[in-house]
């Protein structure tokens, strides 16, 4: 009897998985063309499942980036619920900067697709190659733009000197003098 129940549960679970996968696959529609719209920041809300976290330093760097470069990447928002799928930190930064309108792209997704998309966007951000970043800073130094870069990137003198003087990145960045972003 127990064995029969276990087999029956496995069959029900397999059918549910197949049905769920089929439903999600049926509803996948990739955006063929971005339709950016401008909306008031208070007309959209963050989702309650985003696992992405940002340090205060990284948030301030984002705010500075948006102040200097503008809003360069729209926020992805579920059309019906008005919940953010990707871009919660940009949304928060836009509020801090007092933006009246922000760029969004509305998408039609199932709740499952929204969650997968949020995770995928978070994981696809990449990471910085410290040695290549140091080379870019040396290039900026040659171009006479190091002071601007240092200010814009919120690097203190110790960080900038360690990066420019070619100390092995892992050793230099393990010290207490480096900010959270490194």
N, C-alpha and C. Protein backbone atom coordinates (compact mmCIF):
# COMPACT_ATOMS: atom_id res chain seq x y z
N UNK A 1 0.82 -1.20 0.00
CA UNK A 1 0.00 0.00 0.00
C UNK A 1 0.86 1.26 0.00
N UNK A 2 1.89 1.28 0.87
CA UNK A 2 2.79 2.43 0.96
C UNK A 2 3.53 2.63 -0.36
N UNK A 3 3.98 1.51 -0.95
CA UNK A 3 4.69 1.58 -2.21
C UNK A 3 3.79 2.13 -3.31
N UNK A 4 2.55 1.71 -3.33
CA UNK A 4 1.59 2.20 -4.33
C UNK A 4 1.36 3.69 -4.18
N UNK A 5 1.25 4.17 -2.94
CA UNK A 5 1.06 5.61 -2.69
C UNK A 5 2.28 6.41 -3.14
N UNK A 6 3.47 5.87 -2.88
CA UNK A 6 4.70 6.56 -3.29
C UNK A 6 4.77 6.66 -4.80
N UNK A 7 4.44 5.58 -5.50
CA UNK A 7 4.44 5.59 -6.97
C UNK A 7 3.41 6.59 -7.49
N UNK A 8 2.24 6.59 -6.88
CA UNK A 8 1.18 7.51 -7.29
C UNK A 8 1.61 8.97 -7.07
N UNK A 9 2.25 9.26 -5.94
CA UNK A 9 2.74 10.62 -5.66
C UNK A 9 3.77 11.04 -6.69
N UNK A 10 4.68 10.13 -7.05
CA UNK A 10 5.70 10.44 -8.05
C UNK A 10 5.05 10.73 -9.40
N UNK A 11 4.02 10.00 -9.77
CA UNK A 11 3.33 10.22 -11.03
C UNK A 11 2.63 11.58 -11.03
N UNK A 12 1.98 11.91 -9.92
CA UNK A 12 1.29 13.19 -9.81
C UNK A 12 2.31 14.32 -9.89
N UNK A 13 3.44 14.18 -9.18
CA UNK A 13 4.49 15.21 -9.20
C UNK A 13 5.05 15.36 -10.61
N UNK A 14 5.32 14.27 -11.30
CA UNK A 14 5.86 14.32 -12.66
C UNK A 14 4.88 15.00 -13.60
N UNK A 15 3.58 14.69 -13.45
CA UNK A 15 2.56 15.32 -14.30
C UNK A 15 2.49 16.82 -14.01
N UNK A 16 2.56 17.20 -12.74
CA UNK A 16 2.49 18.62 -12.37
C UNK A 16 3.69 19.37 -12.92
N UNK A 17 4.88 18.76 -12.84
CA UNK A 17 6.08 19.40 -13.38
C UNK A 17 5.95 19.57 -14.89
N UNK A 18 5.51 18.55 -15.56
CA UNK A 18 5.35 18.61 -17.01
C UNK A 18 4.33 19.67 -17.40
N UNK A 19 3.23 19.71 -16.67
CA UNK A 19 2.19 20.69 -16.95
C UNK A 19 2.71 22.11 -16.70
N UNK A 20 3.42 22.30 -15.58
CA UNK A 20 3.99 23.61 -15.26
C UNK A 20 5.01 24.06 -16.29
N UNK A 21 5.88 23.14 -16.70
CA UNK A 21 6.89 23.46 -17.70
C UNK A 21 6.24 23.82 -19.02
N UNK A 22 5.23 23.05 -19.40
CA UNK A 22 4.54 23.31 -20.66
C UNK A 22 3.86 24.68 -20.62
N UNK A 23 3.24 25.02 -19.49
CA UNK A 23 2.56 26.32 -19.37
C UNK A 23 3.55 27.46 -19.45
N UNK A 24 4.70 27.32 -18.82
CA UNK A 24 5.70 28.38 -18.86
C UNK A 24 6.26 28.50 -20.27
N UNK A 25 6.60 27.36 -20.89
CA UNK A 25 7.13 27.40 -22.24
C UNK A 25 6.15 28.03 -23.22
N UNK A 26 4.88 27.73 -23.03
CA UNK A 26 3.85 28.25 -23.93
C UNK A 26 3.76 29.78 -23.85
N UNK A 27 4.06 30.33 -22.67
CA UNK A 27 3.91 31.77 -22.46
C UNK A 27 5.18 32.58 -22.69
N UNK A 28 6.28 31.95 -23.02
CA UNK A 28 7.52 32.70 -23.23
C UNK A 28 7.42 33.49 -24.53
N UNK A 29 7.57 34.79 -24.37
CA UNK A 29 7.58 35.69 -25.53
C UNK A 29 8.72 36.66 -25.30
N UNK A 30 9.75 36.57 -26.11
CA UNK A 30 10.86 37.50 -25.92
C UNK A 30 10.51 38.83 -26.59
N UNK A 31 11.05 39.89 -25.99
CA UNK A 31 10.81 41.21 -26.56
C UNK A 31 11.56 41.33 -27.88
N UNK A 32 10.86 41.68 -28.91
CA UNK A 32 11.51 41.86 -30.20
C UNK A 32 11.95 43.31 -30.39
N UNK A 33 11.26 44.19 -29.71
CA UNK A 33 11.60 45.61 -29.81
C UNK A 33 11.26 46.26 -28.48
N UNK A 34 12.20 47.04 -27.95
CA UNK A 34 11.94 47.73 -26.69
C UNK A 34 10.96 48.87 -26.92
N UNK A 35 9.97 48.92 -26.08
CA UNK A 35 9.02 50.03 -26.10
C UNK A 35 9.17 50.74 -24.75
N UNK A 36 10.09 51.67 -24.72
CA UNK A 36 10.37 52.38 -23.48
C UNK A 36 9.30 53.43 -23.25
N UNK A 37 8.75 53.40 -22.04
CA UNK A 37 7.76 54.39 -21.64
C UNK A 37 8.28 55.09 -20.40
N UNK A 38 7.84 56.30 -20.18
CA UNK A 38 8.24 57.04 -18.98
C UNK A 38 7.05 57.11 -18.04
N UNK A 39 7.31 56.72 -16.78
CA UNK A 39 6.26 56.70 -15.77
C UNK A 39 6.78 57.35 -14.50
N UNK A 40 5.87 57.72 -13.63
CA UNK A 40 6.25 58.24 -12.32
C UNK A 40 6.80 57.09 -11.47
N UNK A 41 7.89 57.32 -10.73
CA UNK A 41 8.45 56.24 -9.91
C UNK A 41 7.45 55.63 -8.94
N UNK A 42 6.52 56.42 -8.44
CA UNK A 42 5.57 55.86 -7.46
C UNK A 42 4.45 55.07 -8.11
N UNK A 43 4.48 54.93 -9.44
CA UNK A 43 3.45 54.12 -10.11
C UNK A 43 3.87 52.66 -10.23
N UNK A 44 5.11 52.34 -9.84
CA UNK A 44 5.57 50.95 -9.86
C UNK A 44 6.10 50.59 -8.47
N UNK A 45 6.21 49.28 -8.22
CA UNK A 45 6.66 48.83 -6.89
C UNK A 45 7.69 47.71 -7.05
N UNK A 46 8.56 47.56 -6.05
CA UNK A 46 9.49 46.43 -6.10
C UNK A 46 8.75 45.13 -5.84
N UNK A 47 9.30 44.03 -6.32
CA UNK A 47 8.72 42.74 -6.00
C UNK A 47 9.19 42.33 -4.61
N UNK A 48 8.57 41.33 -4.03
CA UNK A 48 8.92 40.91 -2.67
C UNK A 48 9.83 39.69 -2.63
N UNK A 49 10.40 39.32 -3.79
CA UNK A 49 11.21 38.10 -3.83
C UNK A 49 12.64 38.34 -4.34
N UNK A 50 13.01 39.56 -4.64
CA UNK A 50 14.33 39.83 -5.20
C UNK A 50 15.42 39.58 -4.17
N UNK A 51 16.33 38.63 -4.44
CA UNK A 51 17.38 38.34 -3.48
C UNK A 51 18.60 39.26 -3.60
N UNK A 52 18.63 40.13 -4.59
CA UNK A 52 19.79 40.98 -4.83
C UNK A 52 19.88 42.06 -3.76
N UNK A 53 21.06 42.20 -3.18
CA UNK A 53 21.31 43.21 -2.16
C UNK A 53 22.47 44.08 -2.61
N UNK A 54 22.50 45.29 -2.10
CA UNK A 54 23.53 46.24 -2.50
C UNK A 54 24.02 46.97 -1.25
N UNK A 55 25.33 47.11 -1.12
CA UNK A 55 25.89 47.84 0.02
C UNK A 55 25.57 49.33 -0.14
N UNK A 56 25.67 50.07 0.94
CA UNK A 56 25.44 51.52 0.87
C UNK A 56 26.43 52.16 -0.09
N UNK A 57 27.68 51.71 -0.06
CA UNK A 57 28.69 52.26 -0.96
C UNK A 57 28.31 52.02 -2.42
N UNK A 58 27.90 50.79 -2.74
CA UNK A 58 27.51 50.48 -4.12
C UNK A 58 26.28 51.28 -4.53
N UNK A 59 25.34 51.47 -3.61
CA UNK A 59 24.16 52.27 -3.91
C UNK A 59 24.55 53.71 -4.20
N UNK A 60 25.43 54.27 -3.40
CA UNK A 60 25.87 55.65 -3.63
C UNK A 60 26.62 55.77 -4.96
N UNK A 61 27.35 54.73 -5.32
CA UNK A 61 28.03 54.71 -6.62
C UNK A 61 27.01 54.70 -7.75
N UNK A 62 25.94 53.93 -7.59
CA UNK A 62 24.86 53.92 -8.58
C UNK A 62 24.20 55.28 -8.68
N UNK A 63 23.93 55.91 -7.55
CA UNK A 63 23.33 57.25 -7.55
C UNK A 63 24.25 58.23 -8.29
N UNK A 64 25.54 58.16 -8.00
CA UNK A 64 26.48 59.05 -8.68
C UNK A 64 26.51 58.76 -10.17
N UNK A 65 26.48 57.50 -10.54
CA UNK A 65 26.47 57.13 -11.95
C UNK A 65 25.24 57.72 -12.65
N UNK A 66 24.10 57.60 -12.02
CA UNK A 66 22.87 58.12 -12.63
C UNK A 66 22.88 59.65 -12.67
N UNK A 67 23.46 60.27 -11.67
CA UNK A 67 23.56 61.73 -11.66
C UNK A 67 24.46 62.22 -12.80
N UNK A 68 25.59 61.52 -13.01
CA UNK A 68 26.56 61.95 -14.02
C UNK A 68 26.21 61.48 -15.43
N UNK A 69 25.70 60.25 -15.55
CA UNK A 69 25.46 59.67 -16.87
C UNK A 69 24.00 59.68 -17.29
N UNK A 70 23.11 59.88 -16.33
CA UNK A 70 21.68 59.81 -16.61
C UNK A 70 21.16 58.40 -16.41
N UNK A 71 19.93 58.21 -16.78
CA UNK A 71 19.25 56.92 -16.63
C UNK A 71 19.51 56.16 -17.92
N UNK A 72 20.49 55.25 -17.92
CA UNK A 72 20.95 54.61 -19.16
C UNK A 72 20.36 53.24 -19.42
N UNK A 73 19.61 52.71 -18.47
CA UNK A 73 19.02 51.38 -18.65
C UNK A 73 17.62 51.38 -18.06
N UNK A 74 16.62 51.10 -18.88
CA UNK A 74 15.25 51.12 -18.35
C UNK A 74 15.00 50.01 -17.33
N UNK A 75 14.00 50.21 -16.54
CA UNK A 75 13.56 49.23 -15.55
C UNK A 75 12.56 48.30 -16.21
N UNK A 76 12.66 47.02 -15.94
CA UNK A 76 11.74 46.03 -16.50
C UNK A 76 10.60 45.85 -15.49
N UNK A 77 9.35 46.04 -15.96
CA UNK A 77 8.19 46.04 -15.07
C UNK A 77 7.09 45.16 -15.64
N UNK A 78 6.50 44.34 -14.77
CA UNK A 78 5.36 43.51 -15.16
C UNK A 78 4.16 44.41 -15.44
N UNK A 79 3.57 44.27 -16.61
CA UNK A 79 2.51 45.18 -17.05
C UNK A 79 1.31 45.22 -16.11
N UNK A 80 0.81 44.07 -15.69
CA UNK A 80 -0.42 44.05 -14.88
C UNK A 80 -0.18 44.45 -13.44
N UNK A 81 0.81 43.84 -12.80
CA UNK A 81 1.02 44.09 -11.37
C UNK A 81 1.80 45.36 -11.09
N UNK A 82 2.50 45.88 -12.11
CA UNK A 82 3.37 47.06 -11.97
C UNK A 82 4.53 46.78 -11.03
N UNK A 83 4.89 45.49 -10.88
CA UNK A 83 6.03 45.11 -10.05
C UNK A 83 7.30 45.09 -10.89
N UNK A 84 8.39 45.51 -10.26
CA UNK A 84 9.69 45.53 -10.92
C UNK A 84 10.21 44.10 -11.06
N UNK A 85 10.60 43.75 -12.28
CA UNK A 85 11.22 42.46 -12.55
C UNK A 85 12.74 42.63 -12.46
N UNK A 86 13.26 43.72 -13.02
CA UNK A 86 14.68 44.04 -12.95
C UNK A 86 14.84 45.55 -12.86
N UNK A 87 15.67 45.99 -11.92
CA UNK A 87 15.98 47.42 -11.83
C UNK A 87 15.57 48.08 -10.52
N UNK A 88 15.39 47.29 -9.47
CA UNK A 88 14.95 47.87 -8.20
C UNK A 88 15.94 48.91 -7.67
N UNK A 89 17.23 48.65 -7.78
CA UNK A 89 18.21 49.62 -7.27
C UNK A 89 18.18 50.91 -8.08
N UNK A 90 18.00 50.81 -9.40
CA UNK A 90 17.87 52.03 -10.22
C UNK A 90 16.61 52.79 -9.83
N UNK A 91 15.54 52.05 -9.54
CA UNK A 91 14.28 52.67 -9.10
C UNK A 91 14.50 53.43 -7.80
N UNK A 92 15.17 52.79 -6.84
CA UNK A 92 15.44 53.45 -5.55
C UNK A 92 16.34 54.68 -5.74
N UNK A 93 17.34 54.56 -6.60
CA UNK A 93 18.23 55.69 -6.86
C UNK A 93 17.47 56.83 -7.53
N UNK A 94 16.54 56.50 -8.41
CA UNK A 94 15.75 57.56 -9.07
C UNK A 94 14.92 58.33 -8.06
N UNK A 95 14.44 57.64 -7.04
CA UNK A 95 13.68 58.32 -5.99
C UNK A 95 14.59 59.24 -5.18
N UNK A 96 15.78 58.77 -4.87
CA UNK A 96 16.72 59.59 -4.11
C UNK A 96 17.10 60.84 -4.91
N UNK A 97 17.21 60.69 -6.22
CA UNK A 97 17.58 61.81 -7.08
C UNK A 97 16.38 62.72 -7.40
N UNK A 98 15.19 62.31 -7.01
CA UNK A 98 14.00 63.14 -7.23
C UNK A 98 13.47 63.14 -8.65
N UNK A 99 13.70 62.06 -9.38
CA UNK A 99 13.18 61.99 -10.75
C UNK A 99 11.66 61.96 -10.74
N UNK A 100 11.05 62.73 -11.64
CA UNK A 100 9.60 62.72 -11.79
C UNK A 100 9.14 61.60 -12.72
N UNK A 101 9.98 61.25 -13.67
CA UNK A 101 9.68 60.22 -14.66
C UNK A 101 10.90 59.33 -14.82
N UNK A 102 10.65 58.03 -14.99
CA UNK A 102 11.74 57.08 -15.20
C UNK A 102 11.38 56.16 -16.38
N UNK A 103 12.41 55.68 -17.10
CA UNK A 103 12.15 54.81 -18.25
C UNK A 103 11.87 53.38 -17.81
N UNK A 104 10.81 52.81 -18.34
CA UNK A 104 10.47 51.42 -18.06
C UNK A 104 10.11 50.71 -19.35
N UNK A 105 10.27 49.40 -19.32
CA UNK A 105 9.78 48.53 -20.39
C UNK A 105 8.81 47.58 -19.72
N UNK A 106 7.56 47.61 -20.16
CA UNK A 106 6.54 46.72 -19.59
C UNK A 106 6.59 45.38 -20.30
N UNK A 107 6.49 44.31 -19.50
CA UNK A 107 6.52 42.95 -20.04
C UNK A 107 5.32 42.18 -19.54
N UNK A 108 4.92 41.20 -20.32
CA UNK A 108 3.85 40.28 -19.93
C UNK A 108 4.50 38.95 -19.59
N UNK A 109 4.48 38.59 -18.32
CA UNK A 109 5.09 37.36 -17.87
C UNK A 109 4.20 36.70 -16.83
N UNK A 110 4.37 35.40 -16.71
CA UNK A 110 3.71 34.69 -15.62
C UNK A 110 4.51 34.98 -14.35
N UNK A 111 3.94 34.71 -13.18
CA UNK A 111 4.71 34.88 -11.94
C UNK A 111 6.01 34.05 -11.93
N UNK A 112 5.95 32.86 -12.53
CA UNK A 112 7.14 32.02 -12.59
C UNK A 112 8.21 32.67 -13.48
N UNK A 113 7.78 33.18 -14.62
CA UNK A 113 8.73 33.82 -15.52
C UNK A 113 9.34 35.07 -14.89
N UNK A 114 8.54 35.82 -14.14
CA UNK A 114 9.06 37.01 -13.46
C UNK A 114 10.19 36.62 -12.51
N UNK A 115 9.98 35.60 -11.74
CA UNK A 115 10.98 35.17 -10.76
C UNK A 115 12.26 34.67 -11.43
N UNK A 116 12.09 33.88 -12.47
CA UNK A 116 13.26 33.38 -13.21
C UNK A 116 14.01 34.56 -13.84
N UNK A 117 13.28 35.48 -14.42
CA UNK A 117 13.91 36.64 -15.05
C UNK A 117 14.67 37.48 -14.04
N UNK A 118 14.09 37.70 -12.86
CA UNK A 118 14.77 38.46 -11.81
C UNK A 118 16.08 37.78 -11.44
N UNK A 119 16.03 36.48 -11.20
CA UNK A 119 17.25 35.76 -10.85
C UNK A 119 18.28 35.81 -11.98
N UNK A 120 17.83 35.64 -13.21
CA UNK A 120 18.74 35.64 -14.36
C UNK A 120 19.41 37.00 -14.52
N UNK A 121 18.63 38.08 -14.40
CA UNK A 121 19.22 39.42 -14.50
C UNK A 121 20.25 39.63 -13.39
N UNK A 122 19.94 39.21 -12.18
CA UNK A 122 20.88 39.37 -11.07
C UNK A 122 22.17 38.60 -11.31
N UNK A 123 22.05 37.40 -11.83
CA UNK A 123 23.23 36.55 -12.02
C UNK A 123 24.05 36.98 -13.23
N UNK A 124 23.45 37.67 -14.17
CA UNK A 124 24.14 38.04 -15.41
C UNK A 124 24.94 39.33 -15.29
N UNK A 125 24.97 39.94 -14.12
CA UNK A 125 25.66 41.22 -13.95
C UNK A 125 27.16 41.13 -14.18
N UNK A 126 27.76 40.00 -13.90
CA UNK A 126 29.19 39.86 -14.10
C UNK A 126 29.99 40.39 -12.91
N UNK A 127 31.29 40.37 -13.05
CA UNK A 127 32.17 40.86 -12.00
C UNK A 127 33.33 41.60 -12.66
N UNK A 128 34.00 42.39 -11.86
CA UNK A 128 35.06 43.24 -12.40
C UNK A 128 36.40 42.53 -12.32
N UNK A 129 37.18 42.60 -13.40
CA UNK A 129 38.55 42.11 -13.44
C UNK A 129 39.41 43.26 -12.92
N UNK A 130 39.94 43.11 -11.72
CA UNK A 130 40.68 44.18 -11.04
C UNK A 130 41.90 44.60 -11.85
N UNK A 131 42.61 43.67 -12.43
CA UNK A 131 43.82 44.02 -13.19
C UNK A 131 43.46 44.85 -14.42
N UNK A 132 42.37 44.50 -15.10
CA UNK A 132 41.95 45.31 -16.25
C UNK A 132 41.44 46.68 -15.79
N UNK A 133 40.75 46.72 -14.66
CA UNK A 133 40.29 48.00 -14.12
C UNK A 133 41.48 48.89 -13.79
N UNK A 134 42.54 48.31 -13.23
CA UNK A 134 43.74 49.07 -12.92
C UNK A 134 44.37 49.63 -14.19
N UNK A 135 44.36 48.85 -15.26
CA UNK A 135 44.91 49.33 -16.53
C UNK A 135 44.08 50.49 -17.08
N UNK A 136 42.77 50.40 -16.95
CA UNK A 136 41.91 51.51 -17.40
C UNK A 136 42.23 52.77 -16.59
N UNK A 137 42.44 52.61 -15.29
CA UNK A 137 42.80 53.77 -14.46
C UNK A 137 44.15 54.36 -14.89
N UNK A 138 45.11 53.50 -15.23
CA UNK A 138 46.40 54.01 -15.72
C UNK A 138 46.22 54.75 -17.04
N UNK A 139 45.34 54.24 -17.91
CA UNK A 139 45.03 54.95 -19.16
C UNK A 139 44.42 56.32 -18.86
N UNK A 140 43.51 56.36 -17.90
CA UNK A 140 42.89 57.63 -17.52
C UNK A 140 43.93 58.60 -16.95
N UNK A 141 44.90 58.07 -16.23
CA UNK A 141 45.97 58.90 -15.68
C UNK A 141 46.75 59.54 -16.82
N UNK A 142 47.09 58.76 -17.85
CA UNK A 142 47.80 59.28 -19.02
C UNK A 142 46.99 60.34 -19.74
N UNK A 143 45.66 60.18 -19.74
CA UNK A 143 44.78 61.13 -20.42
C UNK A 143 44.48 62.36 -19.56
N UNK A 144 44.99 62.38 -18.33
CA UNK A 144 44.76 63.52 -17.45
C UNK A 144 43.39 63.52 -16.79
N UNK A 145 42.74 62.38 -16.72
CA UNK A 145 41.38 62.31 -16.18
C UNK A 145 41.30 61.49 -14.90
N UNK A 146 42.44 61.27 -14.26
CA UNK A 146 42.44 60.41 -13.07
C UNK A 146 41.68 61.04 -11.90
N UNK A 147 41.83 62.33 -11.70
CA UNK A 147 41.11 62.98 -10.59
C UNK A 147 39.60 62.85 -10.77
N UNK A 148 39.14 63.05 -12.00
CA UNK A 148 37.71 62.90 -12.26
C UNK A 148 37.27 61.46 -12.01
N UNK A 149 38.05 60.50 -12.49
CA UNK A 149 37.71 59.08 -12.29
C UNK A 149 37.69 58.73 -10.81
N UNK A 150 38.69 59.20 -10.07
CA UNK A 150 38.76 58.90 -8.65
C UNK A 150 37.53 59.43 -7.92
N UNK A 151 37.14 60.65 -8.23
CA UNK A 151 35.96 61.23 -7.60
C UNK A 151 34.69 60.50 -8.03
N UNK A 152 34.56 60.30 -9.32
CA UNK A 152 33.36 59.68 -9.85
C UNK A 152 33.17 58.25 -9.37
N UNK A 153 34.28 57.54 -9.19
CA UNK A 153 34.22 56.14 -8.76
C UNK A 153 34.29 56.00 -7.24
N UNK A 154 34.37 57.12 -6.55
CA UNK A 154 34.41 57.14 -5.08
C UNK A 154 35.57 56.30 -4.54
N UNK A 155 36.75 56.46 -5.14
CA UNK A 155 37.95 55.76 -4.70
C UNK A 155 38.76 56.69 -3.81
N UNK A 156 39.22 56.18 -2.67
CA UNK A 156 40.06 57.03 -1.83
C UNK A 156 41.51 56.93 -2.32
N UNK A 157 42.40 57.74 -1.75
CA UNK A 157 43.79 57.80 -2.21
C UNK A 157 44.50 56.45 -2.07
N UNK A 158 44.24 55.73 -0.98
CA UNK A 158 44.89 54.44 -0.78
C UNK A 158 44.47 53.46 -1.88
N UNK A 159 43.17 53.42 -2.19
CA UNK A 159 42.69 52.50 -3.23
C UNK A 159 43.30 52.84 -4.59
N UNK A 160 43.27 54.11 -4.94
CA UNK A 160 43.76 54.50 -6.26
C UNK A 160 45.25 54.23 -6.38
N UNK A 161 46.03 54.50 -5.32
CA UNK A 161 47.46 54.25 -5.37
C UNK A 161 47.78 52.76 -5.47
N UNK A 162 47.06 51.95 -4.75
CA UNK A 162 47.30 50.50 -4.84
C UNK A 162 46.98 49.98 -6.24
N UNK A 163 45.92 50.48 -6.81
CA UNK A 163 45.56 50.02 -8.16
C UNK A 163 46.57 50.49 -9.20
N UNK A 164 47.04 51.72 -9.07
CA UNK A 164 47.97 52.27 -10.06
C UNK A 164 49.38 51.71 -9.94
N UNK A 165 49.75 51.27 -8.76
CA UNK A 165 51.12 50.82 -8.54
C UNK A 165 51.30 49.33 -8.74
N UNK A 166 50.35 48.70 -9.38
CA UNK A 166 50.45 47.30 -9.81
C UNK A 166 50.75 46.32 -8.70
N UNK A 167 50.24 46.57 -7.51
CA UNK A 167 50.32 45.55 -6.47
C UNK A 167 49.38 44.45 -6.90
N UNK A 168 49.77 43.21 -6.69
CA UNK A 168 48.88 42.12 -7.07
C UNK A 168 47.50 42.37 -6.52
N UNK A 169 46.51 42.36 -7.37
CA UNK A 169 45.15 42.73 -6.99
C UNK A 169 44.61 41.95 -5.81
N UNK A 170 44.70 40.62 -5.77
CA UNK A 170 44.12 39.91 -4.62
C UNK A 170 44.76 40.32 -3.29
N UNK A 171 46.10 40.51 -3.29
CA UNK A 171 46.78 40.89 -2.05
C UNK A 171 46.40 42.30 -1.65
N UNK A 172 46.39 43.21 -2.59
CA UNK A 172 46.09 44.61 -2.27
C UNK A 172 44.65 44.78 -1.83
N UNK A 173 43.77 44.06 -2.45
CA UNK A 173 42.36 44.26 -2.17
C UNK A 173 41.90 43.52 -0.93
N UNK A 174 42.75 42.70 -0.37
CA UNK A 174 42.38 41.98 0.84
C UNK A 174 42.53 42.86 2.08
N UNK A 175 43.15 44.01 1.91
CA UNK A 175 43.41 44.89 3.05
C UNK A 175 42.17 45.60 3.54
N UNK A 176 42.31 46.18 4.71
CA UNK A 176 41.19 46.88 5.33
C UNK A 176 40.92 48.24 4.71
N UNK A 177 41.81 48.73 3.85
CA UNK A 177 41.66 50.07 3.31
C UNK A 177 40.77 50.15 2.09
N UNK A 178 40.35 49.00 1.58
CA UNK A 178 39.53 49.01 0.39
C UNK A 178 38.06 49.04 0.73
N UNK A 179 37.32 49.75 -0.07
CA UNK A 179 35.88 49.88 0.12
C UNK A 179 35.19 48.56 -0.21
N UNK A 180 33.91 48.50 0.12
CA UNK A 180 33.12 47.28 -0.10
C UNK A 180 33.05 46.89 -1.57
N UNK A 181 33.08 47.88 -2.47
CA UNK A 181 32.92 47.60 -3.89
C UNK A 181 34.05 46.74 -4.45
N UNK A 182 35.22 46.78 -3.83
CA UNK A 182 36.36 46.00 -4.32
C UNK A 182 36.40 44.69 -3.61
